[in-house]
PDB file of N, CA and C in Angstrom:
ATOM      1  N   MET A   1     -26.889  24.906   4.901  1.00  0.00           N
ATOM      2  CA  MET A   1     -25.444  25.147   4.951  1.00  0.00           C
ATOM      3  C   MET A   1     -25.170  26.307   4.083  1.00  0.00           C
ATOM      4  N   TYR A   2     -24.332  27.376   4.486  1.00  0.00           N
ATOM      5  CA  TYR A   2     -24.013  28.504   3.637  1.00  0.00           C
ATOM      6  C   TYR A   2     -22.744  28.299   2.845  1.00  0.00           C
ATOM      7  N   LYS A   3     -22.895  28.414   1.516  1.00  0.00           N
ATOM      8  CA  LYS A   3     -21.604  28.076   0.776  1.00  0.00           C
ATOM      9  C   LYS A   3     -21.205  29.458   0.178  1.00  0.00           C
ATOM     10  N   LEU A   4     -19.882  29.640   0.001  1.00  0.00           N
ATOM     11  CA  LEU A   4     -19.170  30.592  -0.708  1.00  0.00           C
ATOM     12  C   LEU A   4     -18.415  30.011  -1.883  1.00  0.00           C
ATOM     13  N   PRO A   5     -18.676  30.689  -3.101  1.00  0.00           N
ATOM     14  CA  PRO A   5     -17.768  30.142  -4.129  1.00  0.00           C
ATOM     15  C   PRO A   5     -16.308  30.619  -3.933  1.00  0.00           C
ATOM     16  N   LEU A   6     -15.462  29.784  -4.380  1.00  0.00           N
ATOM     17  CA  LEU A   6     -13.887  30.014  -4.448  1.00  0.00           C
ATOM     18  C   LEU A   6     -13.587  30.979  -5.446  1.00  0.00           C
ATOM     19  N   MET A   7     -12.656  31.879  -5.049  1.00  0.00           N
ATOM     20  CA  MET A   7     -12.170  32.927  -5.887  1.00  0.00           C
ATOM     21  C   MET A   7     -11.148  32.083  -6.841  1.00  0.00           C
ATOM     22  N   SER A   8     -10.739  32.885  -8.021  1.00  0.00           N
ATOM     23  CA  SER A   8      -9.876  32.298  -8.990  1.00  0.00           C
ATOM     24  C   SER A   8      -8.471  32.011  -8.422  1.00  0.00           C
ATOM     25  N   ASP A   9      -7.899  32.686  -7.533  1.00  0.00           N
ATOM     26  CA  ASP A   9      -6.711  32.485  -6.915  1.00  0.00           C
ATOM     27  C   ASP A   9      -6.743  31.334  -5.955  1.00  0.00           C
ATOM     28  N   GLU A  10      -7.920  30.991  -5.296  1.00  0.00           N
ATOM     29  CA  GLU A  10      -8.015  29.987  -4.410  1.00  0.00           C
ATOM     30  C   GLU A  10      -8.309  28.579  -5.307  1.00  0.00           C
ATOM     31  N   LEU A  11      -8.941  28.735  -6.468  1.00  0.00           N
ATOM     32  CA  LEU A  11      -9.095  27.724  -7.322  1.00  0.00           C
ATOM     33  C   LEU A  11      -7.707  27.214  -7.802  1.00  0.00           C
ATOM     34  N   SER A  12      -7.022  28.061  -8.316  1.00  0.00           N
ATOM     35  CA  SER A  12      -5.493  27.562  -8.678  1.00  0.00           C
ATOM     36  C   SER A  12      -4.644  27.122  -7.798  1.00  0.00           C
ATOM     37  N   SER A  13      -4.858  27.473  -6.437  1.00  0.00           N
ATOM     38  CA  SER A  13      -4.037  26.833  -5.472  1.00  0.00           C
ATOM     39  C   SER A  13      -4.412  25.445  -4.926  1.00  0.00           C
ATOM     40  N   ILE A  14      -5.450  24.948  -5.512  1.00  0.00           N
ATOM     41  CA  ILE A  14      -5.863  23.545  -5.029  1.00  0.00           C
ATOM     42  C   ILE A  14      -5.047  22.524  -5.947  1.00  0.00           C
ATOM     43  N   LYS A  15      -4.366  21.668  -5.185  1.00  0.00           N
ATOM     44  CA  LYS A  15      -3.480  20.656  -5.783  1.00  0.00           C
ATOM     45  C   LYS A  15      -3.870  19.287  -5.697  1.00  0.00           C
ATOM     46  N   CYS A  16      -4.095  18.492  -6.576  1.00  0.00           N
ATOM     47  CA  CYS A  16      -4.718  17.279  -6.549  1.00  0.00           C
ATOM     48  C   CYS A  16      -3.624  16.102  -6.874  1.00  0.00           C
ATOM     49  N   GLY A  17      -4.000  14.893  -6.452  1.00  0.00           N
ATOM     50  CA  GLY A  17      -3.002  13.960  -6.831  1.00  0.00           C
ATOM     51  C   GLY A  17      -2.305  13.166  -5.520  1.00  0.00           C
ATOM     52  N   GLU A  18      -2.643  13.664  -4.378  1.00  0.00           N
ATOM     53  CA  GLU A  18      -2.130  13.122  -3.273  1.00  0.00           C
ATOM     54  C   GLU A  18      -2.710  11.576  -2.900  1.00  0.00           C
ATOM     55  N   ALA A  19      -3.883  11.420  -3.341  1.00  0.00           N
ATOM     56  CA  ALA A  19      -4.556  10.263  -3.068  1.00  0.00           C
ATOM     57  C   ALA A  19      -3.877   9.054  -4.135  1.00  0.00           C
ATOM     58  N   ILE A  20      -3.710   9.640  -5.316  1.00  0.00           N
ATOM     59  CA  ILE A  20      -2.992   8.716  -6.398  1.00  0.00           C
ATOM     60  C   ILE A  20      -1.494   8.325  -5.958  1.00  0.00           C
ATOM     61  N   THR A  21      -0.890   9.320  -5.422  1.00  0.00           N
ATOM     62  CA  THR A  21       0.579   9.057  -4.822  1.00  0.00           C
ATOM     63  C   THR A  21       0.486   8.087  -3.701  1.00  0.00           C
ATOM     64  N   LEU A  22      -0.387   8.348  -2.799  1.00  0.00           N
ATOM     65  CA  LEU A  22      -0.538   7.411  -1.680  1.00  0.00           C
ATOM     66  C   LEU A  22      -0.860   5.890  -2.092  1.00  0.00           C
ATOM     67  N   ALA A  23      -1.857   5.771  -3.131  1.00  0.00           N
ATOM     68  CA  ALA A  23      -2.116   4.529  -3.473  1.00  0.00           C
ATOM     69  C   ALA A  23      -1.053   3.950  -4.189  1.00  0.00           C
ATOM     70  N   ALA A  24      -0.242   4.579  -4.989  1.00  0.00           N
ATOM     71  CA  ALA A  24       1.026   4.120  -5.701  1.00  0.00           C
ATOM     72  C   ALA A  24       2.011   3.519  -4.736  1.00  0.00           C
ATOM     73  N   VAL A  25       2.323   4.191  -3.703  1.00  0.00           N
ATOM     74  CA  VAL A  25       3.285   3.759  -2.769  1.00  0.00           C
ATOM     75  C   VAL A  25       2.698   2.632  -1.993  1.00  0.00           C
ATOM     76  N   MET A  26       1.533   2.625  -1.576  1.00  0.00           N
ATOM     77  CA  MET A  26       0.983   1.532  -0.746  1.00  0.00           C
ATOM     78  C   MET A  26       1.039   0.278  -1.609  1.00  0.00           C
ATOM     79  N   SER A  27       0.727   0.379  -3.072  1.00  0.00           N
ATOM     80  CA  SER A  27       0.681  -0.754  -3.767  1.00  0.00           C
ATOM     81  C   SER A  27       2.202  -1.210  -3.996  1.00  0.00           C
ATOM     82  N   VAL A  28       3.076  -0.540  -4.128  1.00  0.00           N
ATOM     83  CA  VAL A  28       4.430  -0.878  -4.296  1.00  0.00           C
ATOM     84  C   VAL A  28       5.102  -1.645  -3.037  1.00  0.00           C
ATOM     85  N   LEU A  29       4.616  -0.898  -1.788  1.00  0.00           N
ATOM     86  CA  LEU A  29       4.885  -1.764  -0.511  1.00  0.00           C
ATOM     87  C   LEU A  29       4.207  -3.140  -0.433  1.00  0.00           C
ATOM     88  N   VAL A  30       2.989  -3.406  -0.804  1.00  0.00           N
ATOM     89  CA  VAL A  30       2.257  -4.501  -0.812  1.00  0.00           C
ATOM     90  C   VAL A  30       2.841  -5.537  -1.720  1.00  0.00           C
ATOM     91  N   ILE A  31       3.385  -5.084  -2.806  1.00  0.00           N
ATOM     92  CA  ILE A  31       3.988  -6.016  -3.754  1.00  0.00           C
ATOM     93  C   ILE A  31       5.285  -6.650  -3.184  1.00  0.00           C
ATOM     94  N   ALA A  32       6.104  -5.664  -2.582  1.00  0.00           N
ATOM     95  CA  ALA A  32       7.401  -5.875  -1.988  1.00  0.00           C
ATOM     96  C   ALA A  32       7.186  -6.930  -0.821  1.00  0.00           C
ATOM     97  N   ILE A  33       6.203  -6.713  -0.085  1.00  0.00           N
ATOM     98  CA  ILE A  33       5.971  -7.734   1.014  1.00  0.00           C
ATOM     99  C   ILE A  33       5.608  -8.912   0.495  1.00  0.00           C
ATOM    100  N   ILE A  34       4.766  -9.046  -0.226  1.00  0.00           N
ATOM    101  CA  ILE A  34       4.252 -10.318  -0.972  1.00  0.00           C
ATOM    102  C   ILE A  34       5.436 -11.187  -1.600  1.00  0.00           C
ATOM    103  N   THR A  35       6.392 -10.348  -2.379  1.00  0.00           N
ATOM    104  CA  THR A  35       7.465 -10.829  -2.980  1.00  0.00           C
ATOM    105  C   THR A  35       8.334 -11.578  -2.043  1.00  0.00           C
ATOM    106  N   VAL A  36       8.586 -10.875  -0.913  1.00  0.00           N
ATOM    107  CA  VAL A  36       9.617 -11.408   0.165  1.00  0.00           C
ATOM    108  C   VAL A  36       8.988 -12.610   0.705  1.00  0.00           C
ATOM    109  N   VAL A  37       7.632 -12.589   0.918  1.00  0.00           N
ATOM    110  CA  VAL A  37       7.087 -13.705   1.565  1.00  0.00           C
ATOM    111  C   VAL A  37       7.146 -14.997   0.601  1.00  0.00           C
ATOM    112  N   VAL A  38       6.802 -14.850  -0.739  1.00  0.00           N
ATOM    113  CA  VAL A  38       6.876 -15.898  -1.716  1.00  0.00           C
ATOM    114  C   VAL A  38       8.247 -16.273  -1.862  1.00  0.00           C
ATOM    115  N   TYR A  39       9.324 -15.512  -1.877  1.00  0.00           N
ATOM    116  CA  TYR A  39      10.712 -15.872  -1.898  1.00  0.00           C
ATOM    117  C   TYR A  39      11.014 -16.921  -0.746  1.00  0.00           C
ATOM    118  N   LYS A  40      10.745 -16.415   0.456  1.00  0.00           N
ATOM    119  CA  LYS A  40      11.138 -17.080   1.669  1.00  0.00           C
ATOM    120  C   LYS A  40      10.337 -18.558   1.628  1.00  0.00           C
ATOM    121  N   LEU A  41       9.219 -18.624   1.067  1.00  0.00           N
ATOM    122  CA  LEU A  41       8.567 -19.764   1.010  1.00  0.00           C
ATOM    123  C   LEU A  41       9.012 -20.777   0.107  1.00  0.00           C
ATOM    124  N   TYR A  42       9.567 -20.247  -1.161  1.00  0.00           N
ATOM    125  CA  TYR A  42      10.050 -21.128  -2.134  1.00  0.00           C
ATOM    126  C   TYR A  42      11.741 -21.417  -2.101  1.00  0.00           C
ATOM    127  N   SER A  43      12.293 -20.494  -1.538  1.00  0.00           N
ATOM    128  CA  SER A  43      13.704 -20.710  -1.410  1.00  0.00           C
ATOM    129  C   SER A  43      14.221 -21.816  -0.310  1.00  0.00           C
ATOM    130  N   SER A  44      13.248 -22.160   0.579  1.00  0.00           N
ATOM    131  CA  SER A  44      13.775 -23.077   1.611  1.00  0.00           C
ATOM    132  C   SER A  44      12.877 -24.386   1.359  1.00  0.00           C
ATOM    133  N   SER A  45      13.568 -25.568   1.805  1.00  0.00           N
ATOM    134  CA  SER A  45      12.748 -26.879   1.766  1.00  0.00           C
ATOM    135  C   SER A  45      11.653 -27.083   2.583  1.00  0.00           C
ATOM    136  N   ASP A  46      11.737 -26.362   3.643  1.00  0.00           N
ATOM    137  CA  ASP A  46      10.605 -26.444   4.643  1.00  0.00           C
ATOM    138  C   ASP A  46      10.316 -25.031   5.190  1.00  0.00           C
ATOM    139  N   GLY A  47       9.767 -24.132   4.387  1.00  0.00           N
ATOM    140  CA  GLY A  47       9.697 -22.918   4.826  1.00  0.00           C
ATOM    141  C   GLY A  47       8.409 -22.572   5.636  1.00  0.00           C
ATOM    142  N   THR A  48       8.350 -21.533   6.499  1.00  0.00           N
ATOM    143  CA  THR A  48       7.355 -21.112   7.215  1.00  0.00           C
ATOM    144  C   THR A  48       7.405 -19.583   7.389  1.00  0.00           C
ATOM    145  N   VAL A  49       6.134 -19.007   7.398  1.00  0.00           N
ATOM    146  CA  VAL A  49       6.131 -17.617   7.481  1.00  0.00           C
ATOM    147  C   VAL A  49       4.960 -17.287   8.504  1.00  0.00           C
ATOM    148  N   GLN A  50       5.315 -16.509   9.437  1.00  0.00           N
ATOM    149  CA  GLN A  50       4.402 -16.112  10.471  1.00  0.00           C
ATOM    150  C   GLN A  50       4.044 -14.533  10.358  1.00  0.00           C
ATOM    151  N   LEU A  51       2.951 -14.173  10.171  1.00  0.00           N
ATOM    152  CA  LEU A  51       2.526 -12.830  10.092  1.00  0.00           C
ATOM    153  C   LEU A  51       1.936 -12.320  11.129  1.00  0.00           C
ATOM    154  N   PRO A  52       1.790 -11.116  11.509  1.00  0.00           N
ATOM    155  CA  PRO A  52       1.175 -10.650  12.645  1.00  0.00           C
ATOM    156  C   PRO A  52      -0.270 -10.835  12.333  1.00  0.00           C
ATOM    157  N   GLY A  53      -1.028 -11.028  13.341  1.00  0.00           N
ATOM    158  CA  GLY A  53      -2.348 -11.374  13.565  1.00  0.00           C
ATOM    159  C   GLY A  53      -2.857 -12.862  13.556  1.00  0.00           C
ATOM    160  N   GLY A  54      -1.744 -13.667  13.644  1.00  0.00           N
ATOM    161  CA  GLY A  54      -1.851 -15.127  13.651  1.00  0.00           C
ATOM    162  C   GLY A  54      -1.957 -15.929  12.538  1.00  0.00           C
ATOM    163  N   TYR A  55      -1.560 -15.258  11.428  1.00  0.00           N
ATOM    164  CA  TYR A  55      -1.461 -15.889  10.056  1.00  0.00           C
ATOM    165  C   TYR A  55      -0.156 -16.691   9.896  1.00  0.00           C
ATOM    166  N   LYS A  56      -0.239 -18.039   9.429  1.00  0.00           N
ATOM    167  CA  LYS A  56       0.878 -18.832   9.376  1.00  0.00           C
ATOM    168  C   LYS A  56       0.809 -19.605   8.003  1.00  0.00           C
ATOM    169  N   PHE A  57       1.838 -19.468   7.397  1.00  0.00           N
ATOM    170  CA  PHE A  57       2.016 -20.268   6.028  1.00  0.00           C
ATOM    171  C   PHE A  57       3.061 -21.294   6.158  1.00  0.00           C
ATOM    172  N   GLN A  58       2.856 -22.404   5.557  1.00  0.00           N
ATOM    173  CA  GLN A  58       4.019 -23.501   5.662  1.00  0.00           C
ATOM    174  C   GLN A  58       4.036 -23.991   4.303  1.00  0.00           C
ATOM    175  N   TRP A  59       5.299 -24.305   3.935  1.00  0.00           N
ATOM    176  CA  TRP A  59       5.631 -24.827   2.564  1.00  0.00           C
ATOM    177  C   TRP A  59       6.391 -26.207   2.932  1.00  0.00           C
ATOM    178  N   LYS A  60       5.751 -27.303   2.635  1.00  0.00           N
ATOM    179  CA  LYS A  60       6.425 -28.550   2.878  1.00  0.00           C
ATOM    180  C   LYS A  60       6.626 -29.360   1.679  1.00  0.00           C
TER     181      LYS A  60
END
């Protein structure tokens, strides 16, 4: 494979950090979903939670 080195202006235009931002946003969303599920289970005396994919949790 033929490789060309990048010029200095091309090197300075490279921005990193998108993967870290995406991981941070996804982790916040996962924590929020888990918090809602746990709150729903503990707030009711007989709670049930059904998630997509056939997952079902019950609190008796």
